[in-house]
Structure formats: structure tokens, C-alpha cells
């Protein structure tokens, strides 16, 4: 494929900003992230997603992507898989600094802490690029103001796909403003499924067998004190939703906060 599509000059519309790519990082042969400029009028809640894309055959080609960047950051950041025959990602994977992309003007989503009732421990369950919205949430001071403990689980096939692992474990705890809260409250719990590892297996197995809770030095899920956010592949979403509801958790929304929330809108399957 040529990069002509990505080098096309774009024009903003009533529903789309045009932003410029500022950096690209390829984590693996199937995973990459990139940053872009941010229009000063673009406002979002941490955990939300927006539509992003390119122009193809004279019209925008868009998909939903969660913001990795927090709403206080000057740039936007996104995490993406590379799908060989994906209409968007097969092209977006070749993006380079200086290329232009569309950014939707109306972010939305259900992974917002205000959609949850007050609680003590916040569980963020992610698989693959489902980590993206939780990156914004663990950079949000409100998250640490609302919860005594924040447990971020991230499950991937291979350890090399655990994007941002080093940043979460070494840089975020030393952050100038968030570091103290992060060191006191954030627990990062990665697992991998297709190679030997310190924690090998699906997060649902770690929950069902109680391993997660033993590692945390606590009992199982408790809807009285725990709150849950879920983002990942369709099988994981279904399984974790079933676990949550079996344990007595109730789904929250903007109009009716609950004890768990789940994000179903996601980038190309």
C-alpha cells in the first residue's frame, strides 16, 4: 500500500476536527500507538472515546477509539491494533508524523467514574487495546480522590503486547503531581495467555479461582465496596459482565450510577 491516503490534506467539518500526527510508536507487529495535536475546544471525560480516521474515496473512514491521553494533556494519544484487512487499521498503521487525521468532535462512552456509585476499590479490567481508556483514568486525579485503591488488570496474548507497562510501573509512580497517589493506591496486574509468564492465564480464570484476590490480600468481589470497569474483546466483556452480575453488581449509566460499567463500542474486531 502507498501512503498517499494518509498524506491527503484534510478539511475540518461540522463533526470532525483535523489534527496532525506528532509521534508514532510501534509496540509489536500488530500493535501501535500515536499522538496528535489537540484542538483547544475539544473536551472529553477521562475514559471516553471518539471517532478517528482518514479520508478514503472522497469521504471519511472512521472508527471508535478511546483516548489514552487524559483530558488535561495538550496532545491526544490513541492505541490501535493492526488488522491486515481492516478498512481503517490496514492503512492507519502506516501513519507518520506530519500526516493528518480526523478526530470526532463529540466524544462519548460509558467508562466514566461519575457513572459509578462511591466505593472503596476500583477494578479496571482490560484486555488488549481495551487498556486505552484506563490509561486516561489512571492519570485522572479524580480517580484517586474517589477511591482508596485502584486495581488495573491487563491481559494480552504475549508479554510484548503489554503496552505502557514500563510507563505504568516506573514513570507514573514518579509523576510530579500524581506520583504520591499512584504509589499509595494503584495496583498494576498484567497477565498473558500464550507464553510462560509470572501470571499466565485469562483474567477471568484469576478471578474465578480467587488468585487475583489472594494476590491482593483481600476477599472476592463485593458490590457494597467495589466498583468495576470493563473494556476489551467481546468474549471477555460477556464473561466479566456475567461474573459481575452474578456477584450482585448493577450496571451504571449517566442517568443512574451503578456498581459496574462496560464499554461495548470498540475499534475493529
Protein backbone atom coordinates (compact mmCIF):
# COMPACT_ATOMS: atom_id res chain seq x y z
CA UNK A 1 0.00 0.00 0.00
CA UNK A 2 1.18 3.55 -0.67
CA UNK A 3 0.90 6.30 1.93
CA UNK A 4 -0.93 8.62 -0.44
CA UNK A 5 -4.19 8.21 1.51
CA UNK A 6 -2.50 9.31 4.74
CA UNK A 7 -0.76 12.27 3.12
CA UNK A 8 -4.02 13.69 1.77
CA UNK A 9 -4.74 17.16 3.13
CA UNK A 10 -7.98 17.15 5.07
CA UNK A 11 -10.57 19.83 5.77
CA UNK A 12 -12.48 20.07 9.08
CA UNK A 13 -16.24 19.60 9.04
CA UNK A 14 -19.07 20.31 11.43
CA UNK A 15 -18.49 16.97 13.14
CA UNK A 16 -14.75 16.44 12.61
CA UNK A 17 -11.56 18.22 13.62
CA UNK A 18 -8.42 17.81 11.53
CA UNK A 19 -5.33 17.15 13.64
CA UNK A 20 -1.69 16.42 12.85
CA UNK A 21 0.16 13.30 13.94
CA UNK A 22 3.14 14.22 16.13
CA UNK A 23 4.63 10.80 17.01
CA UNK A 24 4.14 7.09 16.30
CA UNK A 25 5.29 4.09 18.34
CA UNK A 26 5.08 0.51 17.08
CA UNK A 27 4.91 -1.78 20.12
CA UNK A 28 4.78 -5.01 18.09
CA UNK A 29 3.99 -6.16 14.57
CA UNK A 30 0.29 -5.97 15.48
CA UNK A 31 0.12 -3.03 17.91
CA UNK A 32 0.95 0.67 17.68
CA UNK A 33 0.11 3.99 19.28
CA UNK A 34 0.35 7.58 18.13
CA UNK A 35 -0.08 11.12 19.37
CA UNK A 36 -1.69 14.05 17.59
CA UNK A 37 -2.34 17.71 18.13
CA UNK A 38 -5.47 18.66 20.09
CA UNK A 39 -7.85 21.48 19.25
CA UNK A 40 -8.32 23.67 22.31
CA UNK A 41 -12.09 23.34 22.03
CA UNK A 42 -12.02 19.51 22.21
CA UNK A 43 -13.31 18.49 25.63
CA UNK A 44 -13.84 14.97 26.96
CA UNK A 45 -14.19 12.98 30.16
CA UNK A 46 -11.42 10.56 31.00
CA UNK A 47 -12.44 7.10 29.78
CA UNK A 48 -14.45 8.32 26.80
CA UNK A 49 -13.85 7.55 23.12
CA UNK A 50 -14.30 9.46 19.89
CA UNK A 51 -14.32 8.69 16.18
CA UNK A 52 -11.00 8.99 14.40
CA UNK A 53 -9.97 8.22 10.84
CA UNK A 54 -8.82 9.25 7.40
CA UNK A 55 -10.39 10.14 4.08
CA UNK A 56 -10.85 7.31 1.64
CA UNK A 57 -12.57 7.52 -1.74
CA UNK A 58 -13.59 11.09 -1.02
CA UNK A 59 -15.27 10.53 2.36
CA UNK A 60 -14.23 10.00 5.98
CA UNK A 61 -13.48 6.44 7.09
CA UNK A 62 -13.94 6.44 10.86
CA UNK A 63 -13.78 4.05 13.82
CA UNK A 64 -14.22 4.46 17.58
CA UNK A 65 -11.02 4.88 19.60
CA UNK A 66 -10.63 5.63 23.29
CA UNK A 67 -8.29 8.39 24.35
CA UNK A 68 -5.13 7.14 26.05
CA UNK A 69 -4.34 10.73 26.94
CA UNK A 70 -6.01 12.33 29.95
CA UNK A 71 -8.26 15.32 29.45
CA UNK A 72 -5.65 17.65 30.98
CA UNK A 73 -2.97 16.75 28.43
CA UNK A 74 -2.15 19.01 25.50
CA UNK A 75 -1.90 16.20 22.93
CA UNK A 76 -4.23 13.34 22.07
CA UNK A 77 -2.98 9.75 22.17
CA UNK A 78 -4.52 6.56 20.78
CA UNK A 79 -3.67 2.86 20.91
CA UNK A 80 -4.51 0.64 17.94
CA UNK A 81 -4.22 -2.89 16.65
CA UNK A 82 -3.15 -3.60 13.09
CA UNK A 83 -5.75 -5.61 11.19
CA UNK A 84 -4.34 -6.74 7.81
CA UNK A 85 -7.72 -6.48 6.07
CA UNK A 86 -9.24 -3.86 8.37
CA UNK A 87 -10.67 -0.96 6.36
CA UNK A 88 -9.05 1.62 8.66
CA UNK A 89 -6.21 -0.03 10.56
CA UNK A 90 -4.68 -1.61 7.45
CA UNK A 91 -3.99 1.99 6.38
CA UNK A 92 -3.64 3.75 9.73
CA UNK A 93 -0.71 1.52 10.73
CA UNK A 94 1.44 3.38 8.17
CA UNK A 95 0.75 6.78 9.72
CA UNK A 96 3.75 9.07 10.21
CA UNK A 97 4.42 12.37 11.98
CA UNK A 98 3.06 15.18 9.86
CA UNK A 99 0.13 13.18 8.48
CA UNK A 100 -3.37 14.46 9.15
CA UNK A 101 -6.26 12.57 10.73
CA UNK A 102 -9.88 13.23 11.53
CA UNK A 103 -10.94 13.50 15.17
CA UNK A 104 -14.63 13.45 16.03
CA UNK A 105 -15.91 16.50 17.85
CA UNK A 106 -18.35 14.59 20.11
CA UNK A 107 -16.67 12.15 22.50
CA UNK A 108 -18.85 9.71 24.39
CA UNK A 109 -18.66 6.44 26.30
CA UNK A 110 -19.64 4.66 29.49
CA UNK A 111 -16.25 4.24 31.18
CA UNK A 112 -16.61 7.38 33.28
CA UNK A 113 -16.09 7.33 37.04
CA UNK A 114 -19.15 9.51 37.61
CA UNK A 115 -21.28 6.65 36.24
CA UNK A 116 -20.26 4.65 39.32
CA UNK A 117 -21.54 4.94 42.86
CA UNK A 118 -19.00 5.87 45.53
CA UNK A 119 -16.85 2.93 46.62
CA UNK A 120 -13.52 1.88 48.06
CA UNK A 121 -11.80 -0.19 45.37
CA UNK A 122 -12.00 0.42 41.62
CA UNK A 123 -11.24 -2.57 39.39
CA UNK A 124 -10.24 -1.75 35.81
CA UNK A 125 -10.39 -4.96 33.75
CA UNK A 126 -8.76 -4.66 30.32
CA UNK A 127 -7.69 -6.96 27.52
CA UNK A 128 -5.61 -5.86 24.52
CA UNK A 129 -6.26 -2.31 23.39
CA UNK A 130 -9.07 -2.15 25.94
CA UNK A 131 -6.34 -0.70 28.13
CA UNK A 132 -6.63 2.66 26.34
CA UNK A 133 -9.46 4.31 28.32
CA UNK A 134 -7.97 3.11 31.59
CA UNK A 135 -4.73 4.89 30.79
CA UNK A 136 -6.66 8.14 30.89
CA UNK A 137 -8.44 7.08 34.08
CA UNK A 138 -5.24 6.24 35.99
CA UNK A 139 -3.93 9.69 35.04
CA UNK A 140 -7.05 11.39 36.44
CA UNK A 141 -6.73 12.94 39.93
CA UNK A 142 -10.46 12.40 40.41
CA UNK A 143 -9.93 8.64 40.26
CA UNK A 144 -7.68 8.73 43.31
CA UNK A 145 -9.94 11.21 45.10
CA UNK A 146 -12.91 8.85 44.73
CA UNK A 147 -11.25 5.52 45.54
CA UNK A 148 -8.89 4.14 48.18
CA UNK A 149 -7.45 1.53 45.82
CA UNK A 150 -7.31 1.23 42.02
CA UNK A 151 -6.55 -2.19 40.52
CA UNK A 152 -5.67 -2.19 36.82
CA UNK A 153 -5.55 -5.62 35.18
CA UNK A 154 -4.30 -6.00 31.62
CA UNK A 155 -4.41 -9.32 29.77
CA UNK A 156 -2.69 -9.90 26.42
CA UNK A 157 -1.53 -12.89 24.43
CA UNK A 158 2.18 -12.12 24.84
CA UNK A 159 4.20 -10.03 27.29
CA UNK A 160 5.46 -7.78 24.48
CA UNK A 161 1.84 -6.68 23.91
CA UNK A 162 1.55 -5.23 27.42
CA UNK A 163 1.67 -1.67 26.10
CA UNK A 164 2.69 1.08 28.54
CA UNK A 165 3.82 -1.48 31.15
CA UNK A 166 7.12 0.28 31.82
CA UNK A 167 5.44 3.68 31.95
CA UNK A 168 2.82 2.44 34.43
CA UNK A 169 5.37 0.78 36.70
CA UNK A 170 8.29 3.21 36.57
CA UNK A 171 7.26 6.63 35.27
CA UNK A 172 3.73 7.15 36.58
CA UNK A 173 4.73 6.49 40.23
CA UNK A 174 7.26 9.33 39.89
CA UNK A 175 4.84 11.75 38.23
CA UNK A 176 5.23 15.25 39.62
CA UNK A 177 1.58 15.65 40.60
CA UNK A 178 0.12 12.11 40.65
CA UNK A 179 3.07 10.09 41.91
CA UNK A 180 2.21 10.07 45.60
CA UNK A 181 -1.38 8.94 44.99
CA UNK A 182 -0.27 6.37 42.42
CA UNK A 183 2.29 4.83 44.77
CA UNK A 184 -0.27 4.64 47.55
CA UNK A 185 -3.31 3.41 45.60
CA UNK A 186 -2.58 1.93 42.14
CA UNK A 187 -2.01 -1.80 41.63
CA UNK A 188 -0.95 -2.96 38.15
CA UNK A 189 -1.79 -6.63 37.47
CA UNK A 190 -0.73 -7.88 34.00
CA UNK A 191 -1.36 -11.42 32.73
CA UNK A 192 -0.51 -13.17 29.46
CA UNK A 193 -2.21 -16.14 27.88
CA UNK A 194 0.04 -17.66 25.20
CA UNK A 195 3.50 -17.90 26.73
CA UNK A 196 5.02 -18.75 30.11
CA UNK A 197 4.89 -15.81 32.49
CA UNK A 198 4.76 -14.86 36.15
CA UNK A 199 0.99 -14.63 35.70
CA UNK A 200 -0.12 -16.83 32.83
CA UNK A 201 -3.82 -17.09 32.06
CA UNK A 202 -7.00 -15.17 31.39
CA UNK A 203 -8.09 -12.64 33.96
CA UNK A 204 -11.44 -14.40 34.32
CA UNK A 205 -9.56 -17.52 35.47
CA UNK A 206 -7.65 -15.48 38.03
CA UNK A 207 -10.99 -14.13 39.30
CA UNK A 208 -12.86 -17.43 39.33
CA UNK A 209 -10.02 -19.28 41.08
CA UNK A 210 -9.56 -16.45 43.58
CA UNK A 211 -5.91 -15.94 42.61
CA UNK A 212 -6.39 -12.23 41.93
CA UNK A 213 -7.86 -11.63 45.37
CA UNK A 214 -5.25 -13.70 47.20
CA UNK A 215 -2.54 -11.71 45.42
CA UNK A 216 -4.25 -8.52 46.55
CA UNK A 217 -4.60 -9.81 50.10
CA UNK A 218 -8.36 -9.48 50.22
CA UNK A 219 -11.64 -11.32 49.71
CA UNK A 220 -13.59 -11.60 46.45
CA UNK A 221 -15.67 -9.02 44.62
CA UNK A 222 -18.06 -7.12 46.88
CA UNK A 223 -20.72 -4.86 45.31
CA UNK A 224 -21.01 -2.95 48.57
CA UNK A 225 -17.48 -1.56 48.36
CA UNK A 226 -16.06 -2.47 44.94
CA UNK A 227 -16.64 -0.80 41.58
CA UNK A 228 -15.82 -2.31 38.20
CA UNK A 229 -14.99 -1.01 34.73
CA UNK A 230 -14.61 -3.45 31.82
CA UNK A 231 -13.11 -2.92 28.36
CA UNK A 232 -11.76 -5.50 25.91
CA UNK A 233 -12.71 -8.22 23.47
CA UNK A 234 -16.30 -9.44 23.13
CA UNK A 235 -15.72 -12.77 24.90
CA UNK A 236 -14.06 -11.06 27.85
CA UNK A 237 -16.85 -8.48 28.03
CA UNK A 238 -19.50 -11.17 28.17
CA UNK A 239 -17.68 -13.28 30.76
CA UNK A 240 -16.85 -10.40 33.08
CA UNK A 241 -20.35 -8.96 32.82
CA UNK A 242 -21.73 -12.36 33.81
CA UNK A 243 -19.33 -12.57 36.76
CA UNK A 244 -20.20 -9.06 37.91
CA UNK A 245 -23.93 -9.60 37.74
CA UNK A 246 -23.66 -13.00 39.41
CA UNK A 247 -21.91 -11.26 42.31
CA UNK A 248 -24.69 -8.67 42.57
CA UNK A 249 -23.21 -5.73 40.67
CA UNK A 250 -25.59 -3.46 38.75
CA UNK A 251 -24.68 -1.61 35.55
CA UNK A 252 -24.40 2.15 35.78
CA UNK A 253 -25.10 4.92 33.29
CA UNK A 254 -25.10 8.69 33.05
CA UNK A 255 -28.60 8.90 34.44
CA UNK A 256 -28.31 6.11 37.00
CA UNK A 257 -24.89 5.41 38.55
CA UNK A 258 -24.25 1.77 39.38
CA UNK A 259 -21.57 -0.58 40.64
CA UNK A 260 -20.08 -1.53 37.26
CA UNK A 261 -19.80 -0.13 33.74
CA UNK A 262 -18.78 -1.75 30.48
CA UNK A 263 -17.71 -0.37 27.09
CA UNK A 264 -19.10 -2.16 24.04
CA UNK A 265 -18.11 0.32 21.34
CA UNK A 266 -14.60 -0.55 20.28
CA UNK A 267 -12.15 -0.41 17.43
CA UNK A 268 -12.26 -3.00 14.61
CA UNK A 269 -12.82 -6.58 15.73
